[in-house]
């Protein structure tokens, strides 16, 4: 599900030319012992696509970003007691206190 969301998020998206040459790095930190999960794959994919696109938009909107900076999005999947944790982190400017 996560790999499909990554592929759909960046297919047809000309991030490299818009990013000013630094490029994009997707870091995958997936726990190898994850069990199968009962969920609605299309709904999870849609949430992931929205989060990934938000990350890209935030990175590109960062006026303090240098031309050669690499945009980095880290996706983590971890096994927790009773659930699976999904984390998405980017090296964009972060949220303002008002947004938080």
PDB file of N, CA and C in Angstrom:
ATOM      1  N   UNK A   1       0.840  -1.195   0.000  1.00  0.00           N
ATOM      2  CA  UNK A   1       0.000   0.000   0.000  1.00  0.00           C
ATOM      3  C   UNK A   1       0.883   1.256   0.000  1.00  0.00           C
ATOM      4  N   UNK A   2       1.911   1.250   0.842  1.00  0.00           N
ATOM      5  CA  UNK A   2       2.785   2.414   0.940  1.00  0.00           C
ATOM      6  C   UNK A   2       3.559   2.629  -0.354  1.00  0.00           C
ATOM      7  N   UNK A   3       4.101   1.564  -0.907  1.00  0.00           N
ATOM      8  CA  UNK A   3       4.858   1.699  -2.164  1.00  0.00           C
ATOM      9  C   UNK A   3       3.957   2.187  -3.301  1.00  0.00           C
ATOM     10  N   UNK A   4       2.742   1.697  -3.352  1.00  0.00           N
ATOM     11  CA  UNK A   4       1.796   2.153  -4.384  1.00  0.00           C
ATOM     12  C   UNK A   4       1.504   3.645  -4.205  1.00  0.00           C
ATOM     13  N   UNK A   5       1.318   4.075  -2.972  1.00  0.00           N
ATOM     14  CA  UNK A   5       1.053   5.498  -2.715  1.00  0.00           C
ATOM     15  C   UNK A   5       2.239   6.359  -3.127  1.00  0.00           C
ATOM     16  N   UNK A   6       3.452   5.887  -2.855  1.00  0.00           N
ATOM     17  CA  UNK A   6       4.644   6.636  -3.268  1.00  0.00           C
ATOM     18  C   UNK A   6       4.687   6.749  -4.781  1.00  0.00           C
ATOM     19  N   UNK A   7       4.468   5.643  -5.454  1.00  0.00           N
ATOM     20  CA  UNK A   7       4.496   5.647  -6.920  1.00  0.00           C
ATOM     21  C   UNK A   7       3.433   6.581  -7.494  1.00  0.00           C
ATOM     22  N   UNK A   8       2.213   6.506  -6.967  1.00  0.00           N
ATOM     23  CA  UNK A   8       1.136   7.359  -7.462  1.00  0.00           C
ATOM     24  C   UNK A   8       1.393   8.837  -7.150  1.00  0.00           C
ATOM     25  N   UNK A   9       2.011   9.113  -6.020  1.00  0.00           N
ATOM     26  CA  UNK A   9       2.263  10.500  -5.620  1.00  0.00           C
ATOM     27  C   UNK A   9       3.237  11.202  -6.548  1.00  0.00           C
ATOM     28  N   UNK A  10       4.196  10.453  -7.072  1.00  0.00           N
ATOM     29  CA  UNK A  10       5.258  11.087  -7.846  1.00  0.00           C
ATOM     30  C   UNK A  10       5.221  10.758  -9.326  1.00  0.00           C
ATOM     31  N   UNK A  11       4.278   9.938  -9.769  1.00  0.00           N
ATOM     32  CA  UNK A  11       4.179   9.671 -11.202  1.00  0.00           C
ATOM     33  C   UNK A  11       3.600  10.902 -11.891  1.00  0.00           C
ATOM     34  N   UNK A  12       4.275  11.342 -12.922  1.00  0.00           N
ATOM     35  CA  UNK A  12       3.802  12.495 -13.675  1.00  0.00           C
ATOM     36  C   UNK A  12       4.055  13.822 -12.985  1.00  0.00           C
ATOM     37  N   UNK A  13       4.724  13.804 -11.854  1.00  0.00           N
ATOM     38  CA  UNK A  13       4.996  15.043 -11.121  1.00  0.00           C
ATOM     39  C   UNK A  13       6.438  15.432 -11.374  1.00  0.00           C
ATOM     40  N   UNK A  14       6.628  16.593 -11.957  1.00  0.00           N
ATOM     41  CA  UNK A  14       7.970  17.014 -12.355  1.00  0.00           C
ATOM     42  C   UNK A  14       8.686  17.681 -11.184  1.00  0.00           C
ATOM     43  N   UNK A  15       8.871  16.924 -10.119  1.00  0.00           N
ATOM     44  CA  UNK A  15       9.481  17.471  -8.915  1.00  0.00           C
ATOM     45  C   UNK A  15      10.907  17.928  -9.163  1.00  0.00           C
ATOM     46  N   UNK A  16      11.638  17.155  -9.953  1.00  0.00           N
ATOM     47  CA  UNK A  16      13.058  17.445 -10.117  1.00  0.00           C
ATOM     48  C   UNK A  16      13.299  18.815 -10.731  1.00  0.00           C
ATOM     49  N   UNK A  17      12.531  19.191 -11.743  1.00  0.00           N
ATOM     50  CA  UNK A  17      12.744  20.507 -12.337  1.00  0.00           C
ATOM     51  C   UNK A  17      12.217  21.611 -11.427  1.00  0.00           C
ATOM     52  N   UNK A  18      11.158  21.341 -10.669  1.00  0.00           N
ATOM     53  CA  UNK A  18      10.601  22.351  -9.773  1.00  0.00           C
ATOM     54  C   UNK A  18      11.440  22.520  -8.519  1.00  0.00           C
ATOM     55  N   UNK A  19      12.233  21.505  -8.185  1.00  0.00           N
ATOM     56  CA  UNK A  19      12.966  21.549  -6.924  1.00  0.00           C
ATOM     57  C   UNK A  19      14.248  22.348  -7.032  1.00  0.00           C
ATOM     58  N   UNK A  20      14.597  22.802  -8.208  1.00  0.00           N
ATOM     59  CA  UNK A  20      15.794  23.610  -8.354  1.00  0.00           C
ATOM     60  C   UNK A  20      17.059  22.801  -8.486  1.00  0.00           C
ATOM     61  N   UNK A  21      16.948  21.534  -8.737  1.00  0.00           N
ATOM     62  CA  UNK A  21      18.131  20.730  -9.003  1.00  0.00           C
ATOM     63  C   UNK A  21      18.609  19.885  -7.852  1.00  0.00           C
ATOM     64  N   UNK A  22      18.158  20.140  -6.620  1.00  0.00           N
ATOM     65  CA  UNK A  22      18.603  19.347  -5.487  1.00  0.00           C
ATOM     66  C   UNK A  22      18.087  17.927  -5.523  1.00  0.00           C
ATOM     67  N   UNK A  23      16.912  17.747  -6.094  1.00  0.00           N
ATOM     68  CA  UNK A  23      16.332  16.423  -6.201  1.00  0.00           C
ATOM     69  C   UNK A  23      15.535  16.020  -4.978  1.00  0.00           C
ATOM     70  N   UNK A  24      15.059  14.810  -5.022  1.00  0.00           N
ATOM     71  CA  UNK A  24      14.179  14.265  -3.988  1.00  0.00           C
ATOM     72  C   UNK A  24      14.704  12.914  -3.540  1.00  0.00           C
ATOM     73  N   UNK A  25      14.723  12.704  -2.234  1.00  0.00           N
ATOM     74  CA  UNK A  25      15.100  11.420  -1.670  1.00  0.00           C
ATOM     75  C   UNK A  25      13.938  10.914  -0.827  1.00  0.00           C
ATOM     76  N   UNK A  26      13.486   9.699  -1.120  1.00  0.00           N
ATOM     77  CA  UNK A  26      12.473   9.042  -0.312  1.00  0.00           C
ATOM     78  C   UNK A  26      13.203   8.015   0.539  1.00  0.00           C
ATOM     79  N   UNK A  27      13.161   8.194   1.844  1.00  0.00           N
ATOM     80  CA  UNK A  27      13.805   7.260   2.770  1.00  0.00           C
ATOM     81  C   UNK A  27      12.722   6.346   3.325  1.00  0.00           C
ATOM     82  N   UNK A  28      12.939   5.046   3.183  1.00  0.00           N
ATOM     83  CA  UNK A  28      11.978   4.051   3.678  1.00  0.00           C
ATOM     84  C   UNK A  28      12.579   3.360   4.893  1.00  0.00           C
ATOM     85  N   UNK A  29      11.890   3.465   6.006  1.00  0.00           N
ATOM     86  CA  UNK A  29      12.291   2.771   7.229  1.00  0.00           C
ATOM     87  C   UNK A  29      11.124   1.884   7.651  1.00  0.00           C
ATOM     88  N   UNK A  30      11.111   0.663   7.111  1.00  0.00           N
ATOM     89  CA  UNK A  30      10.003  -0.257   7.336  1.00  0.00           C
ATOM     90  C   UNK A  30      10.452  -1.406   8.234  1.00  0.00           C
ATOM     91  N   UNK A  31       9.682  -1.678   9.269  1.00  0.00           N
ATOM     92  CA  UNK A  31       9.919  -2.821  10.146  1.00  0.00           C
ATOM     93  C   UNK A  31       9.671  -4.097   9.335  1.00  0.00           C
ATOM     94  N   UNK A  32      10.637  -4.994   9.332  1.00  0.00           N
ATOM     95  CA  UNK A  32      10.507  -6.235   8.554  1.00  0.00           C
ATOM     96  C   UNK A  32       9.502  -7.218   9.142  1.00  0.00           C
ATOM     97  N   UNK A  33       9.105  -7.019  10.377  1.00  0.00           N
ATOM     98  CA  UNK A  33       8.220  -7.987  11.038  1.00  0.00           C
ATOM     99  C   UNK A  33       6.760  -7.540  11.077  1.00  0.00           C
ATOM    100  N   UNK A  34       6.371  -6.670  10.166  1.00  0.00           N
ATOM    101  CA  UNK A  34       4.991  -6.176  10.180  1.00  0.00           C
ATOM    102  C   UNK A  34       4.017  -7.279   9.769  1.00  0.00           C
ATOM    103  N   UNK A  35       2.944  -7.443  10.535  1.00  0.00           N
ATOM    104  CA  UNK A  35       1.926  -8.428  10.153  1.00  0.00           C
ATOM    105  C   UNK A  35       1.015  -7.845   9.075  1.00  0.00           C
ATOM    106  N   UNK A  36       0.197  -8.707   8.484  1.00  0.00           N
ATOM    107  CA  UNK A  36      -0.826  -8.212   7.564  1.00  0.00           C
ATOM    108  C   UNK A  36      -1.830  -7.410   8.367  1.00  0.00           C
ATOM    109  N   UNK A  37      -2.420  -6.431   7.716  1.00  0.00           N
ATOM    110  CA  UNK A  37      -3.311  -5.509   8.401  1.00  0.00           C
ATOM    111  C   UNK A  37      -4.660  -5.486   7.693  1.00  0.00           C
ATOM    112  N   UNK A  38      -5.707  -5.584   8.462  1.00  0.00           N
ATOM    113  CA  UNK A  38      -7.054  -5.467   7.908  1.00  0.00           C
ATOM    114  C   UNK A  38      -7.392  -3.983   7.821  1.00  0.00           C
ATOM    115  N   UNK A  39      -7.542  -3.496   6.582  1.00  0.00           N
ATOM    116  CA  UNK A  39      -7.823  -2.074   6.376  1.00  0.00           C
ATOM    117  C   UNK A  39      -8.445  -1.885   4.997  1.00  0.00           C
ATOM    118  N   UNK A  40      -8.766  -0.650   4.695  1.00  0.00           N
ATOM    119  CA  UNK A  40      -9.251  -0.297   3.365  1.00  0.00           C
ATOM    120  C   UNK A  40      -8.064   0.275   2.592  1.00  0.00           C
ATOM    121  N   UNK A  41      -7.421  -0.518   1.736  1.00  0.00           N
ATOM    122  CA  UNK A  41      -6.207  -0.062   1.057  1.00  0.00           C
ATOM    123  C   UNK A  41      -6.378   1.252   0.299  1.00  0.00           C
ATOM    124  N   UNK A  42      -7.491   1.422  -0.386  1.00  0.00           N
ATOM    125  CA  UNK A  42      -7.651   2.653  -1.175  1.00  0.00           C
ATOM    126  C   UNK A  42      -7.737   3.884  -0.278  1.00  0.00           C
ATOM    127  N   UNK A  43      -8.347   3.753   0.895  1.00  0.00           N
ATOM    128  CA  UNK A  43      -8.436   4.890   1.810  1.00  0.00           C
ATOM    129  C   UNK A  43      -7.067   5.217   2.408  1.00  0.00           C
ATOM    130  N   UNK A  44      -6.308   4.201   2.779  1.00  0.00           N
ATOM    131  CA  UNK A  44      -4.959   4.421   3.316  1.00  0.00           C
ATOM    132  C   UNK A  44      -4.074   5.045   2.236  1.00  0.00           C
ATOM    133  N   UNK A  45      -4.158   4.533   1.015  1.00  0.00           N
ATOM    134  CA  UNK A  45      -3.383   5.105  -0.100  1.00  0.00           C
ATOM    135  C   UNK A  45      -3.705   6.583  -0.281  1.00  0.00           C
ATOM    136  N   UNK A  46      -4.978   6.933  -0.245  1.00  0.00           N
ATOM    137  CA  UNK A  46      -5.374   8.325  -0.465  1.00  0.00           C
ATOM    138  C   UNK A  46      -4.819   9.233   0.625  1.00  0.00           C
ATOM    139  N   UNK A  47      -4.862   8.779   1.868  1.00  0.00           N
ATOM    140  CA  UNK A  47      -4.298   9.569   2.967  1.00  0.00           C
ATOM    141  C   UNK A  47      -2.799   9.754   2.752  1.00  0.00           C
ATOM    142  N   UNK A  48      -2.107   8.679   2.393  1.00  0.00           N
ATOM    143  CA  UNK A  48      -0.663   8.755   2.160  1.00  0.00           C
ATOM    144  C   UNK A  48      -0.328   9.694   1.001  1.00  0.00           C
ATOM    145  N   UNK A  49      -1.076   9.595  -0.077  1.00  0.00           N
ATOM    146  CA  UNK A  49      -0.849  10.475  -1.231  1.00  0.00           C
ATOM    147  C   UNK A  49      -1.004  11.932  -0.812  1.00  0.00           C
ATOM    148  N   UNK A  50      -2.035  12.232  -0.044  1.00  0.00           N
ATOM    149  CA  UNK A  50      -2.248  13.614   0.414  1.00  0.00           C
ATOM    150  C   UNK A  50      -1.090  14.084   1.289  1.00  0.00           C
ATOM    151  N   UNK A  51      -0.644  13.241   2.208  1.00  0.00           N
ATOM    152  CA  UNK A  51       0.465  13.618   3.086  1.00  0.00           C
ATOM    153  C   UNK A  51       1.754  13.822   2.296  1.00  0.00           C
ATOM    154  N   UNK A  52       2.029  12.948   1.336  1.00  0.00           N
ATOM    155  CA  UNK A  52       3.247  13.076   0.533  1.00  0.00           C
ATOM    156  C   UNK A  52       3.214  14.341  -0.322  1.00  0.00           C
ATOM    157  N   UNK A  53       2.083  14.619  -0.930  1.00  0.00           N
ATOM    158  CA  UNK A  53       1.974  15.840  -1.738  1.00  0.00           C
ATOM    159  C   UNK A  53       2.085  17.094  -0.863  1.00  0.00           C
ATOM    160  N   UNK A  54       1.520  17.039   0.352  1.00  0.00           N
ATOM    161  CA  UNK A  54       1.679  18.163   1.274  1.00  0.00           C
ATOM    162  C   UNK A  54       3.144  18.370   1.629  1.00  0.00           C
ATOM    163  N   UNK A  55       3.872  17.277   1.829  1.00  0.00           N
ATOM    164  CA  UNK A  55       5.304  17.369   2.132  1.00  0.00           C
ATOM    165  C   UNK A  55       6.048  18.056   0.999  1.00  0.00           C
ATOM    166  N   UNK A  56       5.770  17.644  -0.224  1.00  0.00           N
ATOM    167  CA  UNK A  56       6.444  18.236  -1.382  1.00  0.00           C
ATOM    168  C   UNK A  56       6.117  19.722  -1.486  1.00  0.00           C
ATOM    169  N   UNK A  57       4.856  20.073  -1.322  1.00  0.00           N
ATOM    170  CA  UNK A  57       4.458  21.475  -1.416  1.00  0.00           C
ATOM    171  C   UNK A  57       5.146  22.314  -0.340  1.00  0.00           C
ATOM    172  N   UNK A  58       5.256  21.773   0.867  1.00  0.00           N
ATOM    173  CA  UNK A  58       5.918  22.504   1.953  1.00  0.00           C
ATOM    174  C   UNK A  58       7.401  22.692   1.656  1.00  0.00           C
ATOM    175  N   UNK A  59       8.035  21.650   1.154  1.00  0.00           N
ATOM    176  CA  UNK A  59       9.467  21.745   0.831  1.00  0.00           C
ATOM    177  C   UNK A  59       9.693  22.788  -0.257  1.00  0.00           C
ATOM    178  N   UNK A  60       8.880  22.750  -1.297  1.00  0.00           N
ATOM    179  CA  UNK A  60       9.057  23.691  -2.405  1.00  0.00           C
ATOM    180  C   UNK A  60       8.728  25.130  -2.013  1.00  0.00           C
ATOM    181  N   UNK A  61       7.854  25.303  -1.020  1.00  0.00           N
ATOM    182  CA  UNK A  61       7.461  26.642  -0.593  1.00  0.00           C
ATOM    183  C   UNK A  61       8.455  27.261   0.389  1.00  0.00           C
ATOM    184  N   UNK A  62       9.422  26.476   0.829  1.00  0.00           N
ATOM    185  CA  UNK A  62      10.397  26.957   1.815  1.00  0.00           C
ATOM    186  C   UNK A  62      11.326  27.975   1.159  1.00  0.00           C
ATOM    187  N   UNK A  63      11.158  29.240   1.506  1.00  0.00           N
ATOM    188  CA  UNK A  63      11.963  30.294   0.885  1.00  0.00           C
ATOM    189  C   UNK A  63      13.403  30.289   1.377  1.00  0.00           C
ATOM    190  N   UNK A  64      13.672  29.586   2.480  1.00  0.00           N
ATOM    191  CA  UNK A  64      15.028  29.497   2.978  1.00  0.00           C
ATOM    192  C   UNK A  64      15.812  28.332   2.389  1.00  0.00           C
ATOM    193  N   UNK A  65      15.169  27.585   1.532  1.00  0.00           N
ATOM    194  CA  UNK A  65      15.793  26.406   0.931  1.00  0.00           C
ATOM    195  C   UNK A  65      16.780  26.826  -0.145  1.00  0.00           C
ATOM    196  N   UNK A  66      17.979  26.256  -0.068  1.00  0.00           N
ATOM    197  CA  UNK A  66      18.999  26.549  -1.078  1.00  0.00           C
ATOM    198  C   UNK A  66      18.731  25.710  -2.327  1.00  0.00           C
ATOM    199  N   UNK A  67      19.216  26.170  -3.456  1.00  0.00           N
ATOM    200  CA  UNK A  67      18.976  25.524  -4.742  1.00  0.00           C
ATOM    201  C   UNK A  67      19.465  24.079  -4.757  1.00  0.00           C
ATOM    202  N   UNK A  68      20.599  23.810  -4.123  1.00  0.00           N
ATOM    203  CA  UNK A  68      21.161  22.464  -4.182  1.00  0.00           C
ATOM    204  C   UNK A  68      20.731  21.571  -3.021  1.00  0.00           C
ATOM    205  N   UNK A  69      19.821  22.036  -2.162  1.00  0.00           N
ATOM    206  CA  UNK A  69      19.331  21.209  -1.057  1.00  0.00           C
ATOM    207  C   UNK A  69      18.521  20.031  -1.599  1.00  0.00           C
ATOM    208  N   UNK A  70      18.743  18.884  -1.016  1.00  0.00           N
ATOM    209  CA  UNK A  70      17.964  17.703  -1.389  1.00  0.00           C
ATOM    210  C   UNK A  70      16.695  17.683  -0.544  1.00  0.00           C
ATOM    211  N   UNK A  71      15.562  17.539  -1.199  1.00  0.00           N
ATOM    212  CA  UNK A  71      14.296  17.381  -0.496  1.00  0.00           C
ATOM    213  C   UNK A  71      14.243  15.938   0.007  1.00  0.00           C
ATOM    214  N   UNK A  72      13.948  15.770   1.279  1.00  0.00           N
ATOM    215  CA  UNK A  72      13.955  14.427   1.861  1.00  0.00           C
ATOM    216  C   UNK A  72      12.627  14.161   2.557  1.00  0.00           C
ATOM    217  N   UNK A  73      12.006  13.047   2.195  1.00  0.00           N
ATOM    218  CA  UNK A  73      10.787  12.594   2.857  1.00  0.00           C
ATOM    219  C   UNK A  73      11.080  11.209   3.414  1.00  0.00           C
ATOM    220  N   UNK A  74      10.891  11.051   4.723  1.00  0.00           N
ATOM    221  CA  UNK A  74      11.130   9.775   5.378  1.00  0.00           C
ATOM    222  C   UNK A  74       9.790   9.163   5.749  1.00  0.00           C
ATOM    223  N   UNK A  75       9.623   7.898   5.376  1.00  0.00           N
ATOM    224  CA  UNK A  75       8.397   7.166   5.689  1.00  0.00           C
ATOM    225  C   UNK A  75       8.788   5.996   6.588  1.00  0.00           C
ATOM    226  N   UNK A  76       8.145   5.934   7.753  1.00  0.00           N
ATOM    227  CA  UNK A  76       8.441   4.871   8.710  1.00  0.00           C
ATOM    228  C   UNK A  76       7.197   4.033   8.977  1.00  0.00           C
ATOM    229  N   UNK A  77       7.389   2.735   9.023  1.00  0.00           N
ATOM    230  CA  UNK A  77       6.343   1.800   9.445  1.00  0.00           C
ATOM    231  C   UNK A  77       6.919   0.992  10.597  1.00  0.00           C
ATOM    232  N   UNK A  78       6.240   1.035  11.744  1.00  0.00           N
ATOM    233  CA  UNK A  78       6.720   0.351  12.940  1.00  0.00           C
ATOM    234  C   UNK A  78       5.608  -0.482  13.558  1.00  0.00           C
ATOM    235  N   UNK A  79       5.983  -1.597  14.090  1.00  0.00           N
ATOM    236  CA  UNK A  79       5.039  -2.436  14.819  1.00  0.00           C
ATOM    237  C   UNK A  79       4.966  -1.944  16.251  1.00  0.00           C
ATOM    238  N   UNK A  80       3.760  -1.651  16.716  1.00  0.00           N
ATOM    239  CA  UNK A  80       3.510  -1.254  18.095  1.00  0.00           C
ATOM    240  C   UNK A  80       2.569  -2.302  18.696  1.00  0.00           C
ATOM    241  N   UNK A  81       2.378  -2.254  19.986  1.00  0.00           N
ATOM    242  CA  UNK A  81       1.469  -3.203  20.628  1.00  0.00           C
ATOM    243  C   UNK A  81       0.035  -2.905  20.184  1.00  0.00           C
ATOM    244  N   UNK A  82      -0.539  -3.815  19.426  1.00  0.00           N
ATOM    245  CA  UNK A  82      -1.934  -3.677  19.009  1.00  0.00           C
ATOM    246  C   UNK A  82      -2.176  -2.852  17.758  1.00  0.00           C
ATOM    247  N   UNK A  83      -1.137  -2.269  17.171  1.00  0.00           N
ATOM    248  CA  UNK A  83      -1.337  -1.480  15.953  1.00  0.00           C
ATOM    249  C   UNK A  83      -0.023  -1.304  15.212  1.00  0.00           C
ATOM    250  N   UNK A  84      -0.113  -0.685  14.037  1.00  0.00           N
ATOM    251  CA  UNK A  84       1.059  -0.352  13.243  1.00  0.00           C
ATOM    252  C   UNK A  84       1.133   1.167  13.156  1.00  0.00           C
ATOM    253  N   UNK A  85       2.310   1.710  13.430  1.00  0.00           N
ATOM    254  CA  UNK A  85       2.514   3.163  13.380  1.00  0.00           C
ATOM    255  C   UNK A  85       3.112   3.544  12.026  1.00  0.00           C
ATOM    256  N   UNK A  86       2.499   4.532  11.398  1.00  0.00           N
ATOM    257  CA  UNK A  86       2.996   5.105  10.147  1.00  0.00           C
ATOM    258  C   UNK A  86       3.408   6.538  10.431  1.00  0.00           C
ATOM    259  N   UNK A  87       4.651   6.881  10.101  1.00  0.00           N
ATOM    260  CA  UNK A  87       5.147   8.242  10.286  1.00  0.00           C
ATOM    261  C   UNK A  87       5.675   8.766   8.965  1.00  0.00           C
ATOM    262  N   UNK A  88       5.388  10.026   8.688  1.00  0.00           N
ATOM    263  CA  UNK A  88       5.944  10.692   7.514  1.00  0.00           C
ATOM    264  C   UNK A  88       6.609  11.969   8.003  1.00  0.00           C
ATOM    265  N   UNK A  89       7.865  12.121   7.636  1.00  0.00           N
ATOM    266  CA  UNK A  89       8.662  13.278   8.059  1.00  0.00           C
ATOM    267  C   UNK A  89       9.328  13.879   6.831  1.00  0.00           C
ATOM    268  N   UNK A  90       9.381  15.196   6.765  1.00  0.00           N
ATOM    269  CA  UNK A  90      10.094  15.832   5.655  1.00  0.00           C
ATOM    270  C   UNK A  90      11.019  16.905   6.202  1.00  0.00           C
ATOM    271  N   UNK A  91      11.910  17.383   5.358  1.00  0.00           N
ATOM    272  CA  UNK A  91      12.836  18.432   5.780  1.00  0.00           C
ATOM    273  C   UNK A  91      12.378  19.800   5.285  1.00  0.00           C
ATOM    274  N   UNK A  92      11.064  19.987   5.244  1.00  0.00           N
ATOM    275  CA  UNK A  92      10.494  21.293   4.907  1.00  0.00           C
ATOM    276  C   UNK A  92      10.597  22.232   6.099  1.00  0.00           C
ATOM    277  N   UNK A  93      10.021  23.412   5.988  1.00  0.00           N
ATOM    278  CA  UNK A  93      10.174  24.437   7.024  1.00  0.00           C
ATOM    279  C   UNK A  93       9.383  24.180   8.293  1.00  0.00           C
ATOM    280  N   UNK A  94       8.485  23.231   8.295  1.00  0.00           N
ATOM    281  CA  UNK A  94       7.655  22.977   9.479  1.00  0.00           C
ATOM    282  C   UNK A  94       6.435  23.880   9.495  1.00  0.00           C
ATOM    283  N   UNK A  95       5.614  23.701  10.516  1.00  0.00           N
ATOM    284  CA  UNK A  95       4.377  24.483  10.623  1.00  0.00           C
ATOM    285  C   UNK A  95       4.597  25.681  11.539  1.00  0.00           C
ATOM    286  N   UNK A  96       3.920  26.736  11.206  1.00  0.00           N
ATOM    287  CA  UNK A  96       3.955  27.924  12.076  1.00  0.00           C
ATOM    288  C   UNK A  96       3.183  27.601  13.357  1.00  0.00           C
ATOM    289  N   UNK A  97       3.442  28.346  14.425  1.00  0.00           N
ATOM    290  CA  UNK A  97       2.682  28.122  15.663  1.00  0.00           C
ATOM    291  C   UNK A  97       1.167  28.279  15.456  1.00  0.00           C
ATOM    292  N   UNK A  98       0.782  29.200  14.562  1.00  0.00           N
ATOM    293  CA  UNK A  98      -0.646  29.406  14.301  1.00  0.00           C
ATOM    294  C   UNK A  98      -1.272  28.165  13.664  1.00  0.00           C
ATOM    295  N   UNK A  99      -0.534  27.541  12.756  1.00  0.00           N
ATOM    296  CA  UNK A  99      -1.046  26.354  12.066  1.00  0.00           C
ATOM    297  C   UNK A  99      -1.166  25.183  13.046  1.00  0.00           C
ATOM    298  N   UNK A 100      -0.146  25.044  13.895  1.00  0.00           N
ATOM    299  CA  UNK A 100      -0.185  23.967  14.896  1.00  0.00           C
ATOM    300  C   UNK A 100      -1.371  24.137  15.811  1.00  0.00           C
TER     301      UNK A 100
END
